[in-house]
Each structure stands twice: as structure tokens, then as C-alpha cells.
Amino acid sequence: MPHIRLKCISEKNVKALSKTLPKELAKAMDTSEDNFSFELIPNTFYTNGKSIKSYPFIEVHWFERSQETKIRSTRIITNQTKALTKAKDIVVVYIPIEKSDYFENGKNF
């Protein structure tokens, strides 16, 4: 935890981000680098009945942190993603998980 889900990004770029993001995000989120997992979610976006190319959309599933931590983390994610993809727009969405709802090997946090 945190679990980062990425959409509209190539597998090559997700692999690269999975190497570089934990180094900076671990400090910003006050966690260790080995706590991060990355998931590439293949998708297709549509408008008016036609598939369209979309901008990177990144979901961060995590135990709730402060607004300041969200802002620092968003800057890191956005800057690294823009550098790799050259995308004009990047969306980052935070999805909080209650510790009591998260179980690992049958035990919750």
C-alpha cells in the first residue's frame, strides 16, 4: 500500500514509473519504497460512439493522508508521468482505504 492504477499509459512507461516513482513518493508519503504496487489497466475511452485517445489517468489507492501529502505526491506523479509520456494533461485521483477494510494474509491493519 499504496496501490497505483494507471490508465492510458503504455506498459513501457508503467514499468519505468514503477522504478522511479517509489523513490520520491516514499519520502512524500512517509512509507517505504517496497510498499508500492503498480497496475496497468487497459482501457478504451469513447465519445460520440467513437474510440478516442485519452490522457493518462492515475488512481492512488491508499490509507488516507493529509492534503499537503496529496499535493506533494500529485506533483511527483504528474511531473514524472509528463516527462515520460509528453502528455499535456495528467489526472491523479486519490481513493482512500480505511485501515480496518484492508486485509493482508487474513489480518487487517
C-alpha atoms as a PDB file:
ATOM      1  CA  MET A   1       0.000   0.000   0.000  1.00  0.00           C
ATOM      2  CA  PRO A   2      -0.223   2.488  -1.799  1.00  0.00           C
ATOM      3  CA  HIS A   3      -1.562   0.734  -4.881  1.00  0.00           C
ATOM      4  CA  ILE A   4      -1.277   2.818  -8.051  1.00  0.00           C
ATOM      5  CA  ARG A   5      -3.525   2.044 -11.027  1.00  0.00           C
ATOM      6  CA  LEU A   6      -2.596   3.582 -14.359  1.00  0.00           C
ATOM      7  CA  LYS A   7      -4.783   4.015 -17.438  1.00  0.00           C
ATOM      8  CA  CYS A   8      -3.939   5.387 -20.890  1.00  0.00           C
ATOM      9  CA  ILE A   9      -0.213   4.813 -20.386  1.00  0.00           C
ATOM     10  CA  SER A  10       1.961   2.319 -22.241  1.00  0.00           C
ATOM     11  CA  GLU A  11       3.314  -0.752 -20.483  1.00  0.00           C
ATOM     12  CA  LYS A  12       6.838   0.530 -21.124  1.00  0.00           C
ATOM     13  CA  ASN A  13       6.067   3.766 -19.278  1.00  0.00           C
ATOM     14  CA  VAL A  14       4.353   1.972 -16.373  1.00  0.00           C
ATOM     15  CA  LYS A  15       7.450  -0.208 -15.958  1.00  0.00           C
ATOM     16  CA  ALA A  16       9.615   2.913 -15.903  1.00  0.00           C
ATOM     17  CA  LEU A  17       7.357   4.681 -13.392  1.00  0.00           C
ATOM     18  CA  SER A  18       7.328   1.609 -11.152  1.00  0.00           C
ATOM     19  CA  LYS A  19      11.105   2.034 -10.823  1.00  0.00           C
ATOM     20  CA  THR A  20      11.284   5.804 -10.323  1.00  0.00           C
ATOM     21  CA  LEU A  21       8.089   6.848  -8.510  1.00  0.00           C
ATOM     22  CA  PRO A  22       8.621   4.840  -5.297  1.00  0.00           C
ATOM     23  CA  LYS A  23      11.925   6.604  -4.627  1.00  0.00           C
ATOM     24  CA  GLU A  24      10.288  10.036  -4.454  1.00  0.00           C
ATOM     25  CA  LEU A  25       6.817   9.025  -3.276  1.00  0.00           C
ATOM     26  CA  ALA A  26       8.132   7.034  -0.315  1.00  0.00           C
ATOM     27  CA  LYS A  27       9.543  10.240   1.156  1.00  0.00           C
ATOM     28  CA  ALA A  28       6.443  12.302   0.340  1.00  0.00           C
ATOM     29  CA  MET A  29       4.071   9.673   1.758  1.00  0.00           C
ATOM     30  CA  ASP A  30       6.244   8.636   4.705  1.00  0.00           C
ATOM     31  CA  THR A  31       6.364   4.956   3.760  1.00  0.00           C
ATOM     32  CA  SER A  32       8.972   2.557   2.406  1.00  0.00           C
ATOM     33  CA  GLU A  33       9.689   2.051  -1.282  1.00  0.00           C
ATOM     34  CA  ASP A  34       8.703  -1.619  -1.160  1.00  0.00           C
ATOM     35  CA  ASN A  35       5.122  -0.753  -0.133  1.00  0.00           C
ATOM     36  CA  PHE A  36       4.144   0.393  -3.640  1.00  0.00           C
ATOM     37  CA  SER A  37       2.401  -1.706  -6.261  1.00  0.00           C
ATOM     38  CA  PHE A  38       1.552  -0.644  -9.804  1.00  0.00           C
ATOM     39  CA  GLU A  39      -1.245  -1.917 -12.006  1.00  0.00           C
ATOM     40  CA  LEU A  40      -1.690  -1.148 -15.686  1.00  0.00           C
ATOM     41  CA  ILE A  41      -5.377  -1.135 -16.583  1.00  0.00           C
ATOM     42  CA  PRO A  42      -6.023  -1.482 -20.321  1.00  0.00           C
ATOM     43  CA  ASN A  43      -8.970   0.598 -21.465  1.00  0.00           C
ATOM     44  CA  THR A  44     -10.675   2.411 -24.294  1.00  0.00           C
ATOM     45  CA  PHE A  45     -12.435   5.756 -23.982  1.00  0.00           C
ATOM     46  CA  TYR A  46     -15.379   6.740 -26.185  1.00  0.00           C
ATOM     47  CA  THR A  47     -17.046   9.966 -27.275  1.00  0.00           C
ATOM     48  CA  ASN A  48     -19.975  10.150 -29.677  1.00  0.00           C
ATOM     49  CA  GLY A  49     -19.731   6.448 -30.460  1.00  0.00           C
ATOM     50  CA  LYS A  50     -16.043   6.552 -31.416  1.00  0.00           C
ATOM     51  CA  SER A  51     -12.983   5.453 -29.514  1.00  0.00           C
ATOM     52  CA  ILE A  52     -10.652   8.295 -28.631  1.00  0.00           C
ATOM     53  CA  LYS A  53      -7.139   8.655 -27.273  1.00  0.00           C
ATOM     54  CA  SER A  54      -7.217   9.927 -23.718  1.00  0.00           C
ATOM     55  CA  TYR A  55      -4.753  11.476 -21.301  1.00  0.00           C
ATOM     56  CA  PRO A  56      -3.121   9.443 -18.523  1.00  0.00           C
ATOM     57  CA  PHE A  57      -5.498   8.763 -15.636  1.00  0.00           C
ATOM     58  CA  ILE A  58      -3.882   7.611 -12.397  1.00  0.00           C
ATOM     59  CA  GLU A  59      -5.660   6.317  -9.298  1.00  0.00           C
ATOM     60  CA  VAL A  60      -3.839   6.143  -5.980  1.00  0.00           C
ATOM     61  CA  HIS A  61      -5.477   3.714  -3.555  1.00  0.00           C
ATOM     62  CA  TRP A  62      -4.042   4.348  -0.111  1.00  0.00           C
ATOM     63  CA  PHE A  63      -4.579   4.883   3.576  1.00  0.00           C
ATOM     64  CA  GLU A  64      -5.761   8.496   3.872  1.00  0.00           C
ATOM     65  CA  ARG A  65      -3.062  11.146   4.211  1.00  0.00           C
ATOM     66  CA  SER A  66      -3.076  14.926   4.556  1.00  0.00           C
ATOM     67  CA  GLN A  67      -3.928  17.372   1.781  1.00  0.00           C
ATOM     68  CA  GLU A  68      -0.319  18.557   1.848  1.00  0.00           C
ATOM     69  CA  THR A  69       0.851  14.985   1.208  1.00  0.00           C
ATOM     70  CA  LYS A  70      -1.648  14.680  -1.663  1.00  0.00           C
ATOM     71  CA  ILE A  71      -0.312  17.869  -3.232  1.00  0.00           C
ATOM     72  CA  ARG A  72       3.347  16.792  -2.917  1.00  0.00           C
ATOM     73  CA  SER A  73       2.543  13.314  -4.245  1.00  0.00           C
ATOM     74  CA  THR A  74       0.496  14.678  -7.138  1.00  0.00           C
ATOM     75  CA  ARG A  75       3.361  16.925  -8.228  1.00  0.00           C
ATOM     76  CA  ILE A  76       5.744  13.980  -8.233  1.00  0.00           C
ATOM     77  CA  ILE A  77       3.361  11.712 -10.153  1.00  0.00           C
ATOM     78  CA  THR A  78       2.414  14.430 -12.637  1.00  0.00           C
ATOM     79  CA  ASN A  79       5.996  15.548 -13.324  1.00  0.00           C
ATOM     80  CA  GLN A  80       7.335  12.035 -13.848  1.00  0.00           C
ATOM     81  CA  THR A  81       4.367  10.987 -15.991  1.00  0.00           C
ATOM     82  CA  LYS A  82       4.568  14.099 -18.172  1.00  0.00           C
ATOM     83  CA  ALA A  83       8.307  13.613 -18.652  1.00  0.00           C
ATOM     84  CA  LEU A  84       7.749  10.068 -19.926  1.00  0.00           C
ATOM     85  CA  THR A  85       4.541  10.438 -21.912  1.00  0.00           C
ATOM     86  CA  LYS A  86       4.765  14.064 -23.097  1.00  0.00           C
ATOM     87  CA  ALA A  87       1.017  14.237 -22.348  1.00  0.00           C
ATOM     88  CA  LYS A  88      -0.417  17.710 -21.916  1.00  0.00           C
ATOM     89  CA  ASP A  89      -2.874  16.636 -19.208  1.00  0.00           C
ATOM     90  CA  ILE A  90      -2.475  14.142 -16.363  1.00  0.00           C
ATOM     91  CA  VAL A  91      -5.265  13.248 -13.917  1.00  0.00           C
ATOM     92  CA  VAL A  92      -4.483  11.912 -10.438  1.00  0.00           C
ATOM     93  CA  VAL A  93      -7.330  10.692  -8.211  1.00  0.00           C
ATOM     94  CA  TYR A  94      -6.942   9.561  -4.598  1.00  0.00           C
ATOM     95  CA  ILE A  95      -9.109   6.740  -3.321  1.00  0.00           C
ATOM     96  CA  PRO A  96      -8.842   6.341   0.450  1.00  0.00           C
ATOM     97  CA  ILE A  97      -8.947   2.922   2.059  1.00  0.00           C
ATOM     98  CA  GLU A  98      -9.821   2.538   5.719  1.00  0.00           C
ATOM     99  CA  LYS A  99      -7.207   0.503   7.556  1.00  0.00           C
ATOM    100  CA  SER A 100      -9.988  -1.604   9.056  1.00  0.00           C
ATOM    101  CA  ASP A 101     -11.072  -2.550   5.497  1.00  0.00           C
ATOM    102  CA  TYR A 102      -7.622  -3.647   4.308  1.00  0.00           C
ATOM    103  CA  PHE A 103      -6.543  -7.232   4.983  1.00  0.00           C
ATOM    104  CA  GLU A 104      -3.259  -8.915   4.207  1.00  0.00           C
ATOM    105  CA  ASN A 105      -2.975 -12.651   4.859  1.00  0.00           C
ATOM    106  CA  GLY A 106      -6.252 -12.552   6.766  1.00  0.00           C
ATOM    107  CA  LYS A 107      -5.225  -9.720   9.095  1.00  0.00           C
ATOM    108  CA  ASN A 108      -6.175  -6.083   8.843  1.00  0.00           C
ATOM    109  CA  PHE A 109      -4.130  -3.041   9.746  1.00  0.00           C
END
